[in-house]
Amino acid sequence: MRAKRYPDCTRFGEIAIDDVVQRIMTAQLGGQEITIRTESFRIGCLVADQDISERRGRSTVDWLVTNIPDLGPEPWDRRKLREKIDRAVTQGKEQARRVPHGR
């Protein structure tokens, strides 16, 4: 078993947040927008379920807003992108299962 890299996450949360970032960063043109929304919602669920800390969720969002690639003909408006991600994270927090995985 490998050591945890994020002390503020459950093992499940650590794997899940890595998966969220991977899915968003590798989304293809035509699927990027829905992937960003879906995976941002997952971040909110992970925070609400205490699988990742609020701080880990926020730092992941900050990193994504800066690093999501521009696939379309126009570059992302980073302010609007942050609003889109924040909205989905908030929705995820509101609809989470609230049953944390074991640490």
PDB file of N, CA and C in Angstrom:
ATOM      1  N   MET A   1       0.852  -1.183   0.000  1.00  0.00           N
ATOM      2  CA  MET A   1       0.000   0.000   0.000  1.00  0.00           C
ATOM      3  C   MET A   1       0.896   1.244   0.000  1.00  0.00           C
ATOM      4  N   ARG A   2       0.559   2.204  -0.818  1.00  0.00           N
ATOM      5  CA  ARG A   2       1.377   3.413  -0.894  1.00  0.00           C
ATOM      6  C   ARG A   2       0.975   4.410   0.192  1.00  0.00           C
ATOM      7  N   ALA A   3       1.900   5.292   0.514  1.00  0.00           N
ATOM      8  CA  ALA A   3       1.635   6.316   1.523  1.00  0.00           C
ATOM      9  C   ALA A   3       0.711   7.383   0.952  1.00  0.00           C
ATOM     10  N   LYS A   4      -0.097   7.949   1.821  1.00  0.00           N
ATOM     11  CA  LYS A   4      -0.969   9.049   1.400  1.00  0.00           C
ATOM     12  C   LYS A   4      -0.127  10.275   1.088  1.00  0.00           C
ATOM     13  N   ARG A   5      -0.531  10.994   0.038  1.00  0.00           N
ATOM     14  CA  ARG A   5       0.168  12.228  -0.321  1.00  0.00           C
ATOM     15  C   ARG A   5      -0.500  13.444   0.295  1.00  0.00           C
ATOM     16  N   TYR A   6      -1.799  13.359   0.541  1.00  0.00           N
ATOM     17  CA  TYR A   6      -2.549  14.495   1.055  1.00  0.00           C
ATOM     18  C   TYR A   6      -3.058  14.154   2.454  1.00  0.00           C
ATOM     19  N   PRO A   7      -2.483  14.740   3.492  1.00  0.00           N
ATOM     20  CA  PRO A   7      -2.920  14.397   4.849  1.00  0.00           C
ATOM     21  C   PRO A   7      -4.338  14.870   5.160  1.00  0.00           C
ATOM     22  N   ASP A   8      -4.868  15.766   4.345  1.00  0.00           N
ATOM     23  CA  ASP A   8      -6.213  16.295   4.600  1.00  0.00           C
ATOM     24  C   ASP A   8      -7.274  15.610   3.743  1.00  0.00           C
ATOM     25  N   CYS A   9      -6.992  14.369   3.317  1.00  0.00           N
ATOM     26  CA  CYS A   9      -7.933  13.589   2.509  1.00  0.00           C
ATOM     27  C   CYS A   9      -7.996  12.156   3.025  1.00  0.00           C
ATOM     28  N   THR A  10      -9.135  11.524   2.817  1.00  0.00           N
ATOM     29  CA  THR A  10      -9.193  10.077   3.009  1.00  0.00           C
ATOM     30  C   THR A  10      -8.473   9.448   1.817  1.00  0.00           C
ATOM     31  N   ARG A  11      -8.192   8.175   1.898  1.00  0.00           N
ATOM     32  CA  ARG A  11      -7.580   7.489   0.741  1.00  0.00           C
ATOM     33  C   ARG A  11      -8.522   7.587  -0.461  1.00  0.00           C
ATOM     34  N   PHE A  12      -9.799   7.399  -0.222  1.00  0.00           N
ATOM     35  CA  PHE A  12     -10.784   7.541  -1.296  1.00  0.00           C
ATOM     36  C   PHE A  12     -10.731   8.944  -1.890  1.00  0.00           C
ATOM     37  N   GLY A  13     -10.694   9.954  -1.022  1.00  0.00           N
ATOM     38  CA  GLY A  13     -10.663  11.334  -1.483  1.00  0.00           C
ATOM     39  C   GLY A  13      -9.431  11.651  -2.301  1.00  0.00           C
ATOM     40  N   GLU A  14      -8.302  11.112  -1.886  1.00  0.00           N
ATOM     41  CA  GLU A  14      -7.044  11.336  -2.604  1.00  0.00           C
ATOM     42  C   GLU A  14      -7.125  10.777  -4.023  1.00  0.00           C
ATOM     43  N   ILE A  15      -7.623   9.559  -4.139  1.00  0.00           N
ATOM     44  CA  ILE A  15      -7.764   8.944  -5.466  1.00  0.00           C
ATOM     45  C   ILE A  15      -8.801   9.697  -6.288  1.00  0.00           C
ATOM     46  N   ALA A  16      -9.913  10.066  -5.650  1.00  0.00           N
ATOM     47  CA  ALA A  16     -11.000  10.747  -6.363  1.00  0.00           C
ATOM     48  C   ALA A  16     -10.575  12.126  -6.865  1.00  0.00           C
ATOM     49  N   ILE A  17      -9.853  12.900  -6.055  1.00  0.00           N
ATOM     50  CA  ILE A  17      -9.467  14.247  -6.492  1.00  0.00           C
ATOM     51  C   ILE A  17      -8.437  14.167  -7.616  1.00  0.00           C
ATOM     52  N   ASP A  18      -7.563  13.173  -7.572  1.00  0.00           N
ATOM     53  CA  ASP A  18      -6.635  12.964  -8.685  1.00  0.00           C
ATOM     54  C   ASP A  18      -7.404  12.618  -9.965  1.00  0.00           C
ATOM     55  N   ASP A  19      -8.447  11.805  -9.824  1.00  0.00           N
ATOM     56  CA  ASP A  19      -9.274  11.426 -10.976  1.00  0.00           C
ATOM     57  C   ASP A  19     -10.013  12.636 -11.546  1.00  0.00           C
ATOM     58  N   VAL A  20     -10.537  13.489 -10.665  1.00  0.00           N
ATOM     59  CA  VAL A  20     -11.223  14.715 -11.099  1.00  0.00           C
ATOM     60  C   VAL A  20     -10.289  15.559 -11.968  1.00  0.00           C
ATOM     61  N   VAL A  21      -9.092  15.795 -11.470  1.00  0.00           N
ATOM     62  CA  VAL A  21      -8.130  16.623 -12.207  1.00  0.00           C
ATOM     63  C   VAL A  21      -7.781  15.967 -13.538  1.00  0.00           C
ATOM     64  N   GLN A  22      -7.528  14.671 -13.523  1.00  0.00           N
ATOM     65  CA  GLN A  22      -7.182  13.949 -14.753  1.00  0.00           C
ATOM     66  C   GLN A  22      -8.297  14.060 -15.789  1.00  0.00           C
ATOM     67  N   ARG A  23      -9.529  13.856 -15.377  1.00  0.00           N
ATOM     68  CA  ARG A  23     -10.660  13.919 -16.315  1.00  0.00           C
ATOM     69  C   ARG A  23     -10.817  15.314 -16.917  1.00  0.00           C
ATOM     70  N   ILE A  24     -10.692  16.339 -16.087  1.00  0.00           N
ATOM     71  CA  ILE A  24     -10.840  17.708 -16.593  1.00  0.00           C
ATOM     72  C   ILE A  24      -9.692  18.056 -17.535  1.00  0.00           C
ATOM     73  N   MET A  25      -8.493  17.718 -17.156  1.00  0.00           N
ATOM     74  CA  MET A  25      -7.338  18.107 -17.960  1.00  0.00           C
ATOM     75  C   MET A  25      -7.231  17.344 -19.274  1.00  0.00           C
ATOM     76  N   THR A  26      -7.873  16.182 -19.374  1.00  0.00           N
ATOM     77  CA  THR A  26      -7.814  15.398 -20.607  1.00  0.00           C
ATOM     78  C   THR A  26      -9.116  15.430 -21.405  1.00  0.00           C
ATOM     79  N   ALA A  27     -10.086  16.215 -20.952  1.00  0.00           N
ATOM     80  CA  ALA A  27     -11.353  16.325 -21.693  1.00  0.00           C
ATOM     81  C   ALA A  27     -11.080  16.846 -23.102  1.00  0.00           C
ATOM     82  N   GLN A  28     -11.837  16.338 -24.030  1.00  0.00           N
ATOM     83  CA  GLN A  28     -11.662  16.707 -25.434  1.00  0.00           C
ATOM     84  C   GLN A  28     -12.624  17.815 -25.842  1.00  0.00           C
ATOM     85  N   LEU A  29     -12.303  18.480 -26.919  1.00  0.00           N
ATOM     86  CA  LEU A  29     -13.177  19.509 -27.483  1.00  0.00           C
ATOM     87  C   LEU A  29     -14.553  18.897 -27.704  1.00  0.00           C
ATOM     88  N   GLY A  30     -15.571  19.591 -27.301  1.00  0.00           N
ATOM     89  CA  GLY A  30     -16.935  19.083 -27.401  1.00  0.00           C
ATOM     90  C   GLY A  30     -17.420  18.451 -26.099  1.00  0.00           C
ATOM     91  N   GLY A  31     -16.500  18.029 -25.256  1.00  0.00           N
ATOM     92  CA  GLY A  31     -16.869  17.428 -23.979  1.00  0.00           C
ATOM     93  C   GLY A  31     -16.278  18.153 -22.795  1.00  0.00           C
ATOM     94  N   GLN A  32     -15.497  19.189 -23.065  1.00  0.00           N
ATOM     95  CA  GLN A  32     -14.793  19.870 -21.993  1.00  0.00           C
ATOM     96  C   GLN A  32     -15.757  20.564 -21.028  1.00  0.00           C
ATOM     97  N   GLU A  33     -16.728  21.273 -21.545  1.00  0.00           N
ATOM     98  CA  GLU A  33     -17.658  22.033 -20.694  1.00  0.00           C
ATOM     99  C   GLU A  33     -18.417  21.122 -19.731  1.00  0.00           C
ATOM    100  N   ILE A  34     -19.003  20.042 -20.233  1.00  0.00           N
ATOM    101  CA  ILE A  34     -19.770  19.145 -19.360  1.00  0.00           C
ATOM    102  C   ILE A  34     -18.847  18.425 -18.375  1.00  0.00           C
ATOM    103  N   THR A  35     -17.633  18.100 -18.813  1.00  0.00           N
ATOM    104  CA  THR A  35     -16.675  17.459 -17.915  1.00  0.00           C
ATOM    105  C   THR A  35     -16.306  18.405 -16.778  1.00  0.00           C
ATOM    106  N   ILE A  36     -16.060  19.658 -17.087  1.00  0.00           N
ATOM    107  CA  ILE A  36     -15.729  20.643 -16.051  1.00  0.00           C
ATOM    108  C   ILE A  36     -16.867  20.742 -15.046  1.00  0.00           C
ATOM    109  N   ARG A  37     -18.101  20.823 -15.537  1.00  0.00           N
ATOM    110  CA  ARG A  37     -19.241  20.935 -14.615  1.00  0.00           C
ATOM    111  C   ARG A  37     -19.409  19.687 -13.764  1.00  0.00           C
ATOM    112  N   THR A  38     -19.351  18.527 -14.401  1.00  0.00           N
ATOM    113  CA  THR A  38     -19.556  17.260 -13.689  1.00  0.00           C
ATOM    114  C   THR A  38     -18.478  17.032 -12.629  1.00  0.00           C
ATOM    115  N   GLU A  39     -17.242  17.247 -13.009  1.00  0.00           N
ATOM    116  CA  GLU A  39     -16.139  16.986 -12.084  1.00  0.00           C
ATOM    117  C   GLU A  39     -16.050  18.043 -10.986  1.00  0.00           C
ATOM    118  N   SER A  40     -16.438  19.264 -11.285  1.00  0.00           N
ATOM    119  CA  SER A  40     -16.489  20.306 -10.251  1.00  0.00           C
ATOM    120  C   SER A  40     -17.564  19.970  -9.221  1.00  0.00           C
ATOM    121  N   PHE A  41     -18.676  19.432  -9.682  1.00  0.00           N
ATOM    122  CA  PHE A  41     -19.731  18.950  -8.791  1.00  0.00           C
ATOM    123  C   PHE A  41     -19.157  17.869  -7.865  1.00  0.00           C
ATOM    124  N   ARG A  42     -18.351  16.975  -8.428  1.00  0.00           N
ATOM    125  CA  ARG A  42     -17.708  15.927  -7.615  1.00  0.00           C
ATOM    126  C   ARG A  42     -16.827  16.522  -6.529  1.00  0.00           C
ATOM    127  N   ILE A  43     -16.113  17.609  -6.837  1.00  0.00           N
ATOM    128  CA  ILE A  43     -15.278  18.260  -5.817  1.00  0.00           C
ATOM    129  C   ILE A  43     -16.155  18.678  -4.640  1.00  0.00           C
ATOM    130  N   GLY A  44     -17.290  19.287  -4.925  1.00  0.00           N
ATOM    131  CA  GLY A  44     -18.209  19.692  -3.861  1.00  0.00           C
ATOM    132  C   GLY A  44     -18.682  18.514  -3.027  1.00  0.00           C
ATOM    133  N   CYS A  45     -19.006  17.413  -3.687  1.00  0.00           N
ATOM    134  CA  CYS A  45     -19.428  16.207  -2.963  1.00  0.00           C
ATOM    135  C   CYS A  45     -18.310  15.674  -2.080  1.00  0.00           C
ATOM    136  N   LEU A  46     -17.089  15.665  -2.603  1.00  0.00           N
ATOM    137  CA  LEU A  46     -15.950  15.176  -1.817  1.00  0.00           C
ATOM    138  C   LEU A  46     -15.719  16.026  -0.573  1.00  0.00           C
ATOM    139  N   VAL A  47     -15.891  17.335  -0.700  1.00  0.00           N
ATOM    140  CA  VAL A  47     -15.745  18.224   0.457  1.00  0.00           C
ATOM    141  C   VAL A  47     -16.862  17.959   1.466  1.00  0.00           C
ATOM    142  N   ALA A  48     -18.094  17.935   0.989  1.00  0.00           N
ATOM    143  CA  ALA A  48     -19.229  17.747   1.898  1.00  0.00           C
ATOM    144  C   ALA A  48     -19.179  16.396   2.599  1.00  0.00           C
ATOM    145  N   ASP A  49     -18.685  15.385   1.898  1.00  0.00           N
ATOM    146  CA  ASP A  49     -18.588  14.046   2.483  1.00  0.00           C
ATOM    147  C   ASP A  49     -17.333  13.873   3.337  1.00  0.00           C
ATOM    148  N   GLN A  50     -16.548  14.933   3.456  1.00  0.00           N
ATOM    149  CA  GLN A  50     -15.320  14.950   4.259  1.00  0.00           C
ATOM    150  C   GLN A  50     -14.263  13.983   3.741  1.00  0.00           C
ATOM    151  N   ASP A  51     -14.304  13.720   2.437  1.00  0.00           N
ATOM    152  CA  ASP A  51     -13.261  12.907   1.824  1.00  0.00           C
ATOM    153  C   ASP A  51     -12.055  13.760   1.456  1.00  0.00           C
ATOM    154  N   ILE A  52     -12.269  15.052   1.234  1.00  0.00           N
ATOM    155  CA  ILE A  52     -11.184  16.020   1.093  1.00  0.00           C
ATOM    156  C   ILE A  52     -11.558  17.235   1.930  1.00  0.00           C
ATOM    157  N   SER A  53     -10.543  17.979   2.341  1.00  0.00           N
ATOM    158  CA  SER A  53     -10.810  19.178   3.137  1.00  0.00           C
ATOM    159  C   SER A  53     -11.299  20.313   2.238  1.00  0.00           C
ATOM    160  N   GLU A  54     -11.916  21.272   2.851  1.00  0.00           N
ATOM    161  CA  GLU A  54     -12.325  22.484   2.128  1.00  0.00           C
ATOM    162  C   GLU A  54     -11.096  23.132   1.485  1.00  0.00           C
ATOM    163  N   ARG A  55     -10.005  23.140   2.216  1.00  0.00           N
ATOM    164  CA  ARG A  55      -8.756  23.732   1.697  1.00  0.00           C
ATOM    165  C   ARG A  55      -8.264  22.985   0.463  1.00  0.00           C
ATOM    166  N   ARG A  56      -8.305  21.651   0.494  1.00  0.00           N
ATOM    167  CA  ARG A  56      -7.879  20.852  -0.658  1.00  0.00           C
ATOM    168  C   ARG A  56      -8.796  21.117  -1.854  1.00  0.00           C
ATOM    169  N   GLY A  57     -10.095  21.198  -1.594  1.00  0.00           N
ATOM    170  CA  GLY A  57     -11.033  21.500  -2.678  1.00  0.00           C
ATOM    171  C   GLY A  57     -10.755  22.854  -3.298  1.00  0.00           C
ATOM    172  N   ARG A  58     -10.530  23.866  -2.453  1.00  0.00           N
ATOM    173  CA  ARG A  58     -10.263  25.221  -2.938  1.00  0.00           C
ATOM    174  C   ARG A  58      -8.954  25.279  -3.708  1.00  0.00           C
ATOM    175  N   SER A  59      -7.901  24.621  -3.209  1.00  0.00           N
ATOM    176  CA  SER A  59      -6.622  24.664  -3.917  1.00  0.00           C
ATOM    177  C   SER A  59      -6.713  23.938  -5.260  1.00  0.00           C
ATOM    178  N   THR A  60      -7.514  22.886  -5.331  1.00  0.00           N
ATOM    179  CA  THR A  60      -7.712  22.187  -6.601  1.00  0.00           C
ATOM    180  C   THR A  60      -8.430  23.086  -7.591  1.00  0.00           C
ATOM    181  N   VAL A  61      -9.474  23.764  -7.135  1.00  0.00           N
ATOM    182  CA  VAL A  61     -10.200  24.704  -8.004  1.00  0.00           C
ATOM    183  C   VAL A  61      -9.263  25.806  -8.485  1.00  0.00           C
ATOM    184  N   ASP A  62      -8.482  26.368  -7.587  1.00  0.00           N
ATOM    185  CA  ASP A  62      -7.544  27.430  -7.974  1.00  0.00           C
ATOM    186  C   ASP A  62      -6.594  26.946  -9.061  1.00  0.00           C
ATOM    187  N   TRP A  63      -6.066  25.746  -8.888  1.00  0.00           N
ATOM    188  CA  TRP A  63      -5.135  25.192  -9.861  1.00  0.00           C
ATOM    189  C   TRP A  63      -5.835  24.961 -11.205  1.00  0.00           C
ATOM    190  N   LEU A  64      -7.038  24.408 -11.155  1.00  0.00           N
ATOM    191  CA  LEU A  64      -7.777  24.136 -12.397  1.00  0.00           C
ATOM    192  C   LEU A  64      -8.077  25.412 -13.174  1.00  0.00           C
ATOM    193  N   VAL A  65      -8.537  26.443 -12.478  1.00  0.00           N
ATOM    194  CA  VAL A  65      -8.881  27.699 -13.158  1.00  0.00           C
ATOM    195  C   VAL A  65      -7.679  28.232 -13.931  1.00  0.00           C
ATOM    196  N   THR A  66      -6.513  28.078 -13.381  1.00  0.00           N
ATOM    197  CA  THR A  66      -5.298  28.575 -14.024  1.00  0.00           C
ATOM    198  C   THR A  66      -4.813  27.664 -15.152  1.00  0.00           C
ATOM    199  N   ASN A  67      -5.048  26.357 -15.030  1.00  0.00           N
ATOM    200  CA  ASN A  67      -4.389  25.398 -15.915  1.00  0.00           C
ATOM    201  C   ASN A  67      -5.269  24.673 -16.920  1.00  0.00           C
ATOM    202  N   ILE A  68      -6.587  24.816 -16.845  1.00  0.00           N
ATOM    203  CA  ILE A  68      -7.441  24.143 -17.826  1.00  0.00           C
ATOM    204  C   ILE A  68      -7.076  24.647 -19.222  1.00  0.00           C
ATOM    205  N   PRO A  69      -6.815  23.731 -20.150  1.00  0.00           N
ATOM    206  CA  PRO A  69      -6.412  24.162 -21.492  1.00  0.00           C
ATOM    207  C   PRO A  69      -7.572  24.773 -22.277  1.00  0.00           C
ATOM    208  N   ASP A  70      -7.227  25.703 -23.139  1.00  0.00           N
ATOM    209  CA  ASP A  70      -8.195  26.325 -24.043  1.00  0.00           C
ATOM    210  C   ASP A  70      -8.296  25.440 -25.284  1.00  0.00           C
ATOM    211  N   LEU A  71      -9.437  24.778 -25.475  1.00  0.00           N
ATOM    212  CA  LEU A  71      -9.593  23.892 -26.617  1.00  0.00           C
ATOM    213  C   LEU A  71     -10.396  24.522 -27.747  1.00  0.00           C
ATOM    214  N   GLY A  72     -11.258  25.459 -27.399  1.00  0.00           N
ATOM    215  CA  GLY A  72     -12.122  26.065 -28.407  1.00  0.00           C
ATOM    216  C   GLY A  72     -11.425  27.172 -29.176  1.00  0.00           C
ATOM    217  N   PRO A  73     -12.163  27.786 -30.070  1.00  0.00           N
ATOM    218  CA  PRO A  73     -11.586  28.874 -30.859  1.00  0.00           C
ATOM    219  C   PRO A  73     -11.272  30.109 -30.018  1.00  0.00           C
ATOM    220  N   GLU A  74     -11.966  30.281 -28.916  1.00  0.00           N
ATOM    221  CA  GLU A  74     -11.736  31.403 -28.006  1.00  0.00           C
ATOM    222  C   GLU A  74     -11.159  30.872 -26.699  1.00  0.00           C
ATOM    223  N   PRO A  75     -10.207  31.588 -26.110  1.00  0.00           N
ATOM    224  CA  PRO A  75      -9.678  31.139 -24.809  1.00  0.00           C
ATOM    225  C   PRO A  75     -10.741  31.290 -23.718  1.00  0.00           C
ATOM    226  N   TRP A  76     -10.588  30.495 -22.664  1.00  0.00           N
ATOM    227  CA  TRP A  76     -11.492  30.611 -21.524  1.00  0.00           C
ATOM    228  C   TRP A  76     -11.373  31.994 -20.903  1.00  0.00           C
ATOM    229  N   ASP A  77     -12.496  32.587 -20.573  1.00  0.00           N
ATOM    230  CA  ASP A  77     -12.514  33.769 -19.714  1.00  0.00           C
ATOM    231  C   ASP A  77     -12.363  33.202 -18.298  1.00  0.00           C
ATOM    232  N   ARG A  78     -11.213  33.389 -17.690  1.00  0.00           N
ATOM    233  CA  ARG A  78     -10.906  32.740 -16.412  1.00  0.00           C
ATOM    234  C   ARG A  78     -11.856  33.149 -15.292  1.00  0.00           C
ATOM    235  N   ARG A  79     -12.376  34.359 -15.329  1.00  0.00           N
ATOM    236  CA  ARG A  79     -13.350  34.787 -14.322  1.00  0.00           C
ATOM    237  C   ARG A  79     -14.640  33.982 -14.477  1.00  0.00           C
ATOM    238  N   LYS A  80     -15.109  33.840 -15.709  1.00  0.00           N
ATOM    239  CA  LYS A  80     -16.335  33.065 -15.953  1.00  0.00           C
ATOM    240  C   LYS A  80     -16.116  31.582 -15.668  1.00  0.00           C
ATOM    241  N   LEU A  81     -14.929  31.099 -15.969  1.00  0.00           N
ATOM    242  CA  LEU A  81     -14.610  29.708 -15.681  1.00  0.00           C
ATOM    243  C   LEU A  81     -14.659  29.456 -14.175  1.00  0.00           C
ATOM    244  N   ARG A  82     -14.083  30.362 -13.389  1.00  0.00           N
ATOM    245  CA  ARG A  82     -14.132  30.225 -11.929  1.00  0.00           C
ATOM    246  C   ARG A  82     -15.575  30.228 -11.437  1.00  0.00           C
ATOM    247  N   GLU A  83     -16.402  31.118 -11.971  1.00  0.00           N
ATOM    248  CA  GLU A  83     -17.809  31.168 -11.558  1.00  0.00           C
ATOM    249  C   GLU A  83     -18.513  29.855 -11.875  1.00  0.00           C
ATOM    250  N   LYS A  84     -18.255  29.298 -13.042  1.00  0.00           N
ATOM    251  CA  LYS A  84     -18.856  28.029 -13.463  1.00  0.00           C
ATOM    252  C   LYS A  84     -18.444  26.909 -12.512  1.00  0.00           C
ATOM    253  N   ILE A  85     -17.146  26.838 -12.215  1.00  0.00           N
ATOM    254  CA  ILE A  85     -16.641  25.797 -11.323  1.00  0.00           C
ATOM    255  C   ILE A  85     -17.183  25.990  -9.910  1.00  0.00           C
ATOM    256  N   ASP A  86     -17.137  27.215  -9.404  1.00  0.00           N
ATOM    257  CA  ASP A  86     -17.641  27.492  -8.047  1.00  0.00           C
ATOM    258  C   ASP A  86     -19.115  27.125  -7.908  1.00  0.00           C
ATOM    259  N   ARG A  87     -19.903  27.427  -8.927  1.00  0.00           N
ATOM    260  CA  ARG A  87     -21.336  27.106  -8.898  1.00  0.00           C
ATOM    261  C   ARG A  87     -21.539  25.585  -8.803  1.00  0.00           C
ATOM    262  N   ALA A  88     -20.790  24.834  -9.601  1.00  0.00           N
ATOM    263  CA  ALA A  88     -20.920  23.375  -9.580  1.00  0.00           C
ATOM    264  C   ALA A  88     -20.425  22.793  -8.254  1.00  0.00           C
ATOM    265  N   VAL A  89     -19.346  23.337  -7.705  1.00  0.00           N
ATOM    266  CA  VAL A  89     -18.837  22.873  -6.407  1.00  0.00           C
ATOM    267  C   VAL A  89     -19.903  23.101  -5.329  1.00  0.00           C
ATOM    268  N   THR A  90     -20.505  24.271  -5.325  1.00  0.00           N
ATOM    269  CA  THR A  90     -21.553  24.586  -4.345  1.00  0.00           C
ATOM    270  C   THR A  90     -22.727  23.621  -4.483  1.00  0.00           C
ATOM    271  N   GLN A  91     -23.136  23.326  -5.706  1.00  0.00           N
ATOM    272  CA  GLN A  91     -24.235  22.373  -5.926  1.00  0.00           C
ATOM    273  C   GLN A  91     -23.851  20.986  -5.423  1.00  0.00           C
ATOM    274  N   GLY A  92     -22.604  20.600  -5.635  1.00  0.00           N
ATOM    275  CA  GLY A  92     -22.139  19.304  -5.139  1.00  0.00           C
ATOM    276  C   GLY A  92     -22.171  19.230  -3.626  1.00  0.00           C
ATOM    277  N   LYS A  93     -21.790  20.314  -2.978  1.00  0.00           N
ATOM    278  CA  LYS A  93     -21.826  20.353  -1.509  1.00  0.00           C
ATOM    279  C   LYS A  93     -23.258  20.204  -1.002  1.00  0.00           C
ATOM    280  N   GLU A  94     -24.198  20.790  -1.707  1.00  0.00           N
ATOM    281  CA  GLU A  94     -25.598  20.760  -1.269  1.00  0.00           C
ATOM    282  C   GLU A  94     -26.244  19.394  -1.488  1.00  0.00           C
ATOM    283  N   GLN A  95     -25.740  18.605  -2.421  1.00  0.00           N
ATOM    284  CA  GLN A  95     -26.389  17.334  -2.765  1.00  0.00           C
ATOM    285  C   GLN A  95     -25.553  16.111  -2.414  1.00  0.00           C
ATOM    286  N   ALA A  96     -24.531  16.288  -1.607  1.00  0.00           N
ATOM    287  CA  ALA A  96     -23.625  15.180  -1.258  1.00  0.00           C
ATOM    288  C   ALA A  96     -24.313  14.151  -0.375  1.00  0.00           C
ATOM    289  N   ARG A  97     -23.727  12.970  -0.316  1.00  0.00           N
ATOM    290  CA  ARG A  97     -24.295  11.874   0.486  1.00  0.00           C
ATOM    291  C   ARG A  97     -24.103  12.092   1.970  1.00  0.00           C
ATOM    292  N   ARG A  98     -23.061  12.814   2.350  1.00  0.00           N
ATOM    293  CA  ARG A  98     -22.759  13.114   3.746  1.00  0.00           C
ATOM    294  C   ARG A  98     -22.456  11.849   4.573  1.00  0.00           C
ATOM    295  N   VAL A  99     -21.902  10.857   3.927  1.00  0.00           N
ATOM    296  CA  VAL A  99     -21.442   9.660   4.628  1.00  0.00           C
ATOM    297  C   VAL A  99     -19.977   9.480   4.270  1.00  0.00           C
ATOM    298  N   PRO A 100     -19.061   9.970   5.129  1.00  0.00           N
ATOM    299  CA  PRO A 100     -17.637   9.921   4.784  1.00  0.00           C
ATOM    300  C   PRO A 100     -17.105   8.495   4.667  1.00  0.00           C
ATOM    301  N   HIS A 101     -16.172   8.321   3.752  1.00  0.00           N
ATOM    302  CA  HIS A 101     -15.446   7.061   3.632  1.00  0.00           C
ATOM    303  C   HIS A 101     -14.450   6.996   4.773  1.00  0.00           C
ATOM    304  N   GLY A 102     -14.012   5.815   5.131  1.00  0.00           N
ATOM    305  CA  GLY A 102     -13.043   5.651   6.217  1.00  0.00           C
ATOM    306  C   GLY A 102     -11.706   6.295   5.894  1.00  0.00           C
ATOM    307  N   ARG A 103     -11.025   6.761   6.895  1.00  0.00           N
ATOM    308  CA  ARG A 103      -9.689   7.381   6.717  1.00  0.00           C
ATOM    309  C   ARG A 103      -8.610   6.342   6.709  1.00  0.00           C
TER     310      ARG A 103
END
